Amino acid sequence: MTEPRTTLVLLGVLALLGSTGLLVTAITIGGIGLVVLSLCGLLLVPLRRLLHGPALLFAALLVGGVLISLAALLLQVHSAELHAYLAPSLPLLLLPCLGLVLDSRVEARSGLVIGLWFAALALLLGLLREGLGNATLLTHGDWLLGPGSAGLQLSLANLNGAHLLTLAPGAFILLGLLLAALRHFHHDERP
């Protein structure tokens, strides 16, 4: 990966810090990220053959912005509560879309790969933040699954919850711990 692309993809992770306080919102932002990044990667392949330089960057902004706007509209139709919770984080999904433009080796599946990593990280952060922070799982499940699923919330009996983990600083802490664990288990011989 080139340095600017890596930076933009990592900045896209910022969307997860504010939106994964609940497992339900993490599932939603992960799904939206997967779809938007996959479609953006797929649509940028033919545009790369036609456009170059600033025109390609503008096209990526346009494609990403349209996809994110459509996702926001569909989310608002589905659940006003989810839309209100996730609306500030959705525009940050544009950063990984721009990262796809900066890589000259981008393929049609590049967006899918980044989207899958984004969704997996969203799910893991949501599970950890709600489980350890609130000592519950699937709080506000009705936002995603409708009013009939309000009773799906699970309480984790022996945990009191560490409220810090539900806040943005807690997300930074968990993300740092996950990156440290990844680095610990993925030994690289390079200095």
C-alpha atoms as a PDB file:
ATOM      1  CA  MET A   1       0.000   0.000   0.000  1.00  0.00           C
ATOM      2  CA  THR A   2       1.137   3.503  -0.692  1.00  0.00           C
ATOM      3  CA  GLU A   3       1.439   5.889   2.229  1.00  0.00           C
ATOM      4  CA  PRO A   4      -1.463   8.251   1.335  1.00  0.00           C
ATOM      5  CA  ARG A   5      -3.771   5.290   0.741  1.00  0.00           C
ATOM      6  CA  THR A   6      -2.877   3.762   4.095  1.00  0.00           C
ATOM      7  CA  THR A   7      -3.495   7.077   5.814  1.00  0.00           C
ATOM      8  CA  LEU A   8      -6.930   7.507   4.212  1.00  0.00           C
ATOM      9  CA  VAL A   9      -7.975   3.938   4.978  1.00  0.00           C
ATOM     10  CA  LEU A  10      -6.910   4.356   8.607  1.00  0.00           C
ATOM     11  CA  LEU A  11      -8.756   7.679   8.798  1.00  0.00           C
ATOM     12  CA  GLY A  12     -11.827   5.767   7.624  1.00  0.00           C
ATOM     13  CA  VAL A  13     -11.574   3.781  10.851  1.00  0.00           C
ATOM     14  CA  LEU A  14     -12.573   7.015  12.619  1.00  0.00           C
ATOM     15  CA  ALA A  15     -16.120   6.285  11.477  1.00  0.00           C
ATOM     16  CA  LEU A  16     -16.029   3.267  13.771  1.00  0.00           C
ATOM     17  CA  LEU A  17     -14.918   5.121  16.878  1.00  0.00           C
ATOM     18  CA  GLY A  18     -18.087   7.132  17.196  1.00  0.00           C
ATOM     19  CA  SER A  19     -20.519   4.561  15.880  1.00  0.00           C
ATOM     20  CA  THR A  20     -19.674   1.242  17.529  1.00  0.00           C
ATOM     21  CA  GLY A  21     -20.842   1.965  21.072  1.00  0.00           C
ATOM     22  CA  LEU A  22     -23.681  -0.522  20.558  1.00  0.00           C
ATOM     23  CA  LEU A  23     -23.584  -3.834  18.733  1.00  0.00           C
ATOM     24  CA  VAL A  24     -26.654  -2.839  16.698  1.00  0.00           C
ATOM     25  CA  THR A  25     -25.005   0.332  15.417  1.00  0.00           C
ATOM     26  CA  ALA A  26     -21.744  -1.533  14.773  1.00  0.00           C
ATOM     27  CA  ILE A  27     -23.564  -4.103  12.631  1.00  0.00           C
ATOM     28  CA  THR A  28     -25.262  -1.300  10.725  1.00  0.00           C
ATOM     29  CA  ILE A  29     -22.154   0.830  10.063  1.00  0.00           C
ATOM     30  CA  GLY A  30     -20.200  -2.317   9.185  1.00  0.00           C
ATOM     31  CA  GLY A  31     -22.843  -3.368   6.653  1.00  0.00           C
ATOM     32  CA  ILE A  32     -23.048   0.095   5.148  1.00  0.00           C
ATOM     33  CA  GLY A  33     -19.250   0.300   4.954  1.00  0.00           C
ATOM     34  CA  LEU A  34     -19.060  -3.102   3.278  1.00  0.00           C
ATOM     35  CA  VAL A  35     -21.605  -2.174   0.610  1.00  0.00           C
ATOM     36  CA  VAL A  36     -20.286   1.349  -0.020  1.00  0.00           C
ATOM     37  CA  LEU A  37     -16.624   0.331  -0.220  1.00  0.00           C
ATOM     38  CA  SER A  38     -17.387  -2.692  -2.417  1.00  0.00           C
ATOM     39  CA  LEU A  39     -19.448  -0.655  -4.855  1.00  0.00           C
ATOM     40  CA  CYS A  40     -16.937   2.184  -4.839  1.00  0.00           C
ATOM     41  CA  GLY A  41     -14.098  -0.204  -5.654  1.00  0.00           C
ATOM     42  CA  LEU A  42     -16.154  -1.822  -8.401  1.00  0.00           C
ATOM     43  CA  LEU A  43     -17.170   1.503  -9.969  1.00  0.00           C
ATOM     44  CA  LEU A  44     -13.678   2.984  -9.838  1.00  0.00           C
ATOM     45  CA  VAL A  45     -12.141   0.298 -12.051  1.00  0.00           C
ATOM     46  CA  PRO A  46     -13.781   1.480 -15.311  1.00  0.00           C
ATOM     47  CA  LEU A  47     -13.418   5.139 -14.284  1.00  0.00           C
ATOM     48  CA  ARG A  48      -9.662   4.616 -13.876  1.00  0.00           C
ATOM     49  CA  ARG A  49      -9.424   3.737 -17.581  1.00  0.00           C
ATOM     50  CA  LEU A  50     -11.244   6.928 -18.595  1.00  0.00           C
ATOM     51  CA  LEU A  51      -9.998   9.510 -16.094  1.00  0.00           C
ATOM     52  CA  HIS A  52      -6.657  10.457 -14.578  1.00  0.00           C
ATOM     53  CA  GLY A  53      -5.326  12.847 -11.964  1.00  0.00           C
ATOM     54  CA  PRO A  54      -7.723  15.335 -10.369  1.00  0.00           C
ATOM     55  CA  ALA A  55     -10.608  14.193 -12.573  1.00  0.00           C
ATOM     56  CA  LEU A  56     -10.354  10.673 -11.147  1.00  0.00           C
ATOM     57  CA  LEU A  57     -10.192  12.038  -7.606  1.00  0.00           C
ATOM     58  CA  PHE A  58     -13.290  14.155  -8.272  1.00  0.00           C
ATOM     59  CA  ALA A  59     -15.070  11.116  -9.739  1.00  0.00           C
ATOM     60  CA  ALA A  60     -14.218   9.091  -6.631  1.00  0.00           C
ATOM     61  CA  LEU A  61     -15.591  11.872  -4.419  1.00  0.00           C
ATOM     62  CA  LEU A  62     -18.759  11.945  -6.488  1.00  0.00           C
ATOM     63  CA  VAL A  63     -19.237   8.162  -6.537  1.00  0.00           C
ATOM     64  CA  GLY A  64     -18.500   7.820  -2.815  1.00  0.00           C
ATOM     65  CA  GLY A  65     -20.708  10.779  -1.923  1.00  0.00           C
ATOM     66  CA  VAL A  66     -23.648   9.434  -3.928  1.00  0.00           C
ATOM     67  CA  LEU A  67     -23.308   5.956  -2.411  1.00  0.00           C
ATOM     68  CA  ILE A  68     -23.076   7.325   1.132  1.00  0.00           C
ATOM     69  CA  SER A  69     -26.045   9.644   0.536  1.00  0.00           C
ATOM     70  CA  LEU A  70     -28.133   6.739  -0.748  1.00  0.00           C
ATOM     71  CA  ALA A  71     -27.140   4.665   2.260  1.00  0.00           C
ATOM     72  CA  ALA A  72     -28.104   7.528   4.596  1.00  0.00           C
ATOM     73  CA  LEU A  73     -31.491   7.908   2.911  1.00  0.00           C
ATOM     74  CA  LEU A  74     -32.205   4.176   3.117  1.00  0.00           C
ATOM     75  CA  LEU A  75     -31.127   4.158   6.746  1.00  0.00           C
ATOM     76  CA  GLN A  76     -33.408   7.085   7.525  1.00  0.00           C
ATOM     77  CA  VAL A  77     -36.347   5.286   5.920  1.00  0.00           C
ATOM     78  CA  HIS A  78     -35.579   2.082   7.840  1.00  0.00           C
ATOM     79  CA  SER A  79     -34.905   3.566  11.275  1.00  0.00           C
ATOM     80  CA  ALA A  80     -34.839   7.207  12.301  1.00  0.00           C
ATOM     81  CA  GLU A  81     -33.035   6.295  15.538  1.00  0.00           C
ATOM     82  CA  LEU A  82     -30.211   4.499  13.730  1.00  0.00           C
ATOM     83  CA  HIS A  83     -29.914   7.356  11.266  1.00  0.00           C
ATOM     84  CA  ALA A  84     -29.690   9.919  14.077  1.00  0.00           C
ATOM     85  CA  TYR A  85     -27.001   7.851  15.828  1.00  0.00           C
ATOM     86  CA  LEU A  86     -24.906   7.129  12.713  1.00  0.00           C
ATOM     87  CA  ALA A  87     -25.388  10.296  10.626  1.00  0.00           C
ATOM     88  CA  PRO A  88     -22.207  12.038  11.880  1.00  0.00           C
ATOM     89  CA  SER A  89     -20.067   8.974  11.073  1.00  0.00           C
ATOM     90  CA  LEU A  90     -21.352   8.172   7.589  1.00  0.00           C
ATOM     91  CA  PRO A  91     -19.409  10.898   5.698  1.00  0.00           C
ATOM     92  CA  LEU A  92     -16.152   9.495   7.092  1.00  0.00           C
ATOM     93  CA  LEU A  93     -16.689   6.428   4.879  1.00  0.00           C
ATOM     94  CA  LEU A  94     -15.594   8.628   1.997  1.00  0.00           C
ATOM     95  CA  LEU A  95     -11.966   8.486   3.179  1.00  0.00           C
ATOM     96  CA  PRO A  96     -11.409   4.780   2.380  1.00  0.00           C
ATOM     97  CA  CYS A  97     -13.110   5.386  -0.999  1.00  0.00           C
ATOM     98  CA  LEU A  98     -10.488   8.037  -1.727  1.00  0.00           C
ATOM     99  CA  GLY A  99      -7.815   5.608  -0.556  1.00  0.00           C
ATOM    100  CA  LEU A 100      -8.906   3.245  -3.329  1.00  0.00           C
ATOM    101  CA  VAL A 101      -8.153   5.953  -5.908  1.00  0.00           C
ATOM    102  CA  LEU A 102      -4.628   6.538  -4.651  1.00  0.00           C
ATOM    103  CA  ASP A 103      -3.582   2.930  -5.186  1.00  0.00           C
ATOM    104  CA  SER A 104      -2.551   2.293  -8.788  1.00  0.00           C
ATOM    105  CA  ARG A 105      -2.933  -1.478  -8.332  1.00  0.00           C
ATOM    106  CA  VAL A 106      -6.606  -1.312  -7.384  1.00  0.00           C
ATOM    107  CA  GLU A 107      -8.757  -4.153  -8.688  1.00  0.00           C
ATOM    108  CA  ALA A 108     -12.505  -4.709  -8.646  1.00  0.00           C
ATOM    109  CA  ARG A 109     -12.211  -6.735  -5.449  1.00  0.00           C
ATOM    110  CA  SER A 110     -10.055  -4.193  -3.581  1.00  0.00           C
ATOM    111  CA  GLY A 111     -13.117  -2.372  -2.251  1.00  0.00           C
ATOM    112  CA  LEU A 112     -14.639  -5.672  -1.134  1.00  0.00           C
ATOM    113  CA  VAL A 113     -11.501  -6.614   0.789  1.00  0.00           C
ATOM    114  CA  ILE A 114     -11.313  -3.247   2.553  1.00  0.00           C
ATOM    115  CA  GLY A 115     -15.072  -3.403   3.194  1.00  0.00           C
ATOM    116  CA  LEU A 116     -14.807  -6.849   4.771  1.00  0.00           C
ATOM    117  CA  TRP A 117     -12.018  -5.695   7.078  1.00  0.00           C
ATOM    118  CA  PHE A 118     -14.040  -2.600   7.949  1.00  0.00           C
ATOM    119  CA  ALA A 119     -17.151  -4.683   8.740  1.00  0.00           C
ATOM    120  CA  ALA A 120     -15.176  -7.216  10.795  1.00  0.00           C
ATOM    121  CA  LEU A 121     -13.518  -4.463  12.833  1.00  0.00           C
ATOM    122  CA  ALA A 122     -16.895  -2.744  13.337  1.00  0.00           C
ATOM    123  CA  LEU A 123     -18.446  -5.980  14.595  1.00  0.00           C
ATOM    124  CA  LEU A 124     -15.529  -6.704  16.927  1.00  0.00           C
ATOM    125  CA  LEU A 125     -15.470  -3.163  18.355  1.00  0.00           C
ATOM    126  CA  GLY A 126     -19.255  -3.121  18.795  1.00  0.00           C
ATOM    127  CA  LEU A 127     -19.237  -6.487  20.539  1.00  0.00           C
ATOM    128  CA  LEU A 128     -16.411  -5.500  22.886  1.00  0.00           C
ATOM    129  CA  ARG A 129     -17.613  -1.962  23.585  1.00  0.00           C
ATOM    130  CA  GLU A 130     -21.202  -2.883  24.397  1.00  0.00           C
ATOM    131  CA  GLY A 131     -20.344  -6.165  26.100  1.00  0.00           C
ATOM    132  CA  LEU A 132     -17.617  -4.776  28.338  1.00  0.00           C
ATOM    133  CA  GLY A 133     -18.966  -1.237  28.620  1.00  0.00           C
ATOM    134  CA  ASN A 134     -22.669  -1.830  29.279  1.00  0.00           C
ATOM    135  CA  ALA A 135     -22.573  -5.534  30.223  1.00  0.00           C
ATOM    136  CA  THR A 136     -25.313  -6.086  27.629  1.00  0.00           C
ATOM    137  CA  LEU A 137     -25.631  -7.150  24.026  1.00  0.00           C
ATOM    138  CA  LEU A 138     -28.185  -6.044  21.421  1.00  0.00           C
ATOM    139  CA  THR A 139     -29.392  -3.006  23.306  1.00  0.00           C
ATOM    140  CA  HIS A 140     -31.835  -1.161  21.022  1.00  0.00           C
ATOM    141  CA  GLY A 141     -32.190  -4.212  18.796  1.00  0.00           C
ATOM    142  CA  ASP A 142     -35.541  -2.769  17.736  1.00  0.00           C
ATOM    143  CA  TRP A 143     -33.689  -0.010  15.863  1.00  0.00           C
ATOM    144  CA  LEU A 144     -32.365  -2.601  13.438  1.00  0.00           C
ATOM    145  CA  LEU A 145     -34.889  -5.445  13.584  1.00  0.00           C
ATOM    146  CA  GLY A 146     -38.130  -3.609  14.313  1.00  0.00           C
ATOM    147  CA  PRO A 147     -40.397  -3.216  17.357  1.00  0.00           C
ATOM    148  CA  GLY A 148     -40.955  -6.951  17.809  1.00  0.00           C
ATOM    149  CA  SER A 149     -37.321  -7.478  18.756  1.00  0.00           C
ATOM    150  CA  ALA A 150     -37.196  -5.145  21.747  1.00  0.00           C
ATOM    151  CA  GLY A 151     -36.821  -8.095  24.124  1.00  0.00           C
ATOM    152  CA  LEU A 152     -33.690  -9.483  22.476  1.00  0.00           C
ATOM    153  CA  GLN A 153     -31.309  -7.615  24.770  1.00  0.00           C
ATOM    154  CA  LEU A 154     -28.949  -9.928  26.619  1.00  0.00           C
ATOM    155  CA  SER A 155     -27.504  -9.031  30.009  1.00  0.00           C
ATOM    156  CA  LEU A 156     -24.072 -10.344  30.872  1.00  0.00           C
ATOM    157  CA  ALA A 157     -24.680 -11.475  34.444  1.00  0.00           C
ATOM    158  CA  ASN A 158     -21.301 -11.221  36.116  1.00  0.00           C
ATOM    159  CA  LEU A 159     -20.124  -7.968  34.570  1.00  0.00           C
ATOM    160  CA  ASN A 160     -20.776  -4.485  35.898  1.00  0.00           C
ATOM    161  CA  GLY A 161     -19.575  -2.731  32.775  1.00  0.00           C
ATOM    162  CA  ALA A 162     -16.856  -0.141  32.335  1.00  0.00           C
ATOM    163  CA  HIS A 163     -18.679   2.922  31.032  1.00  0.00           C
ATOM    164  CA  LEU A 164     -15.464   4.374  29.599  1.00  0.00           C
ATOM    165  CA  LEU A 165     -15.516   1.737  26.850  1.00  0.00           C
ATOM    166  CA  THR A 166     -18.833   3.045  25.513  1.00  0.00           C
ATOM    167  CA  LEU A 167     -17.313   6.495  24.964  1.00  0.00           C
ATOM    168  CA  ALA A 168     -14.980   7.547  22.133  1.00  0.00           C
ATOM    169  CA  PRO A 169     -11.838   7.410  24.351  1.00  0.00           C
ATOM    170  CA  GLY A 170     -12.758   3.820  25.184  1.00  0.00           C
ATOM    171  CA  ALA A 171     -12.940   3.065  21.481  1.00  0.00           C
ATOM    172  CA  PHE A 172      -9.406   4.457  21.051  1.00  0.00           C
ATOM    173  CA  ILE A 173      -8.213   2.316  23.947  1.00  0.00           C
ATOM    174  CA  LEU A 174      -9.789  -0.851  22.534  1.00  0.00           C
ATOM    175  CA  LEU A 175      -8.517  -0.100  19.047  1.00  0.00           C
ATOM    176  CA  GLY A 176      -5.012   0.395  20.445  1.00  0.00           C
ATOM    177  CA  LEU A 177      -5.222  -2.885  22.360  1.00  0.00           C
ATOM    178  CA  LEU A 178      -6.443  -4.709  19.242  1.00  0.00           C
ATOM    179  CA  LEU A 179      -3.603  -3.254  17.157  1.00  0.00           C
ATOM    180  CA  ALA A 180      -1.081  -4.208  19.856  1.00  0.00           C
ATOM    181  CA  ALA A 181      -2.450  -7.765  19.948  1.00  0.00           C
ATOM    182  CA  LEU A 182      -2.304  -7.954  16.161  1.00  0.00           C
ATOM    183  CA  ARG A 183       1.271  -6.745  16.156  1.00  0.00           C
ATOM    184  CA  HIS A 184       2.203  -9.180  18.924  1.00  0.00           C
ATOM    185  CA  PHE A 185       0.791 -12.193  17.099  1.00  0.00           C
ATOM    186  CA  HIS A 186       1.968 -11.097  13.648  1.00  0.00           C
ATOM    187  CA  HIS A 187       5.741 -11.136  13.951  1.00  0.00           C
ATOM    188  CA  ASP A 188       7.439  -9.268  11.162  1.00  0.00           C
ATOM    189  CA  GLU A 189      11.137  -9.724  10.533  1.00  0.00           C
ATOM    190  CA  ARG A 190      11.556  -6.190   9.133  1.00  0.00           C
ATOM    191  CA  PRO A 191      12.926  -3.555  11.547  1.00  0.00           C
END
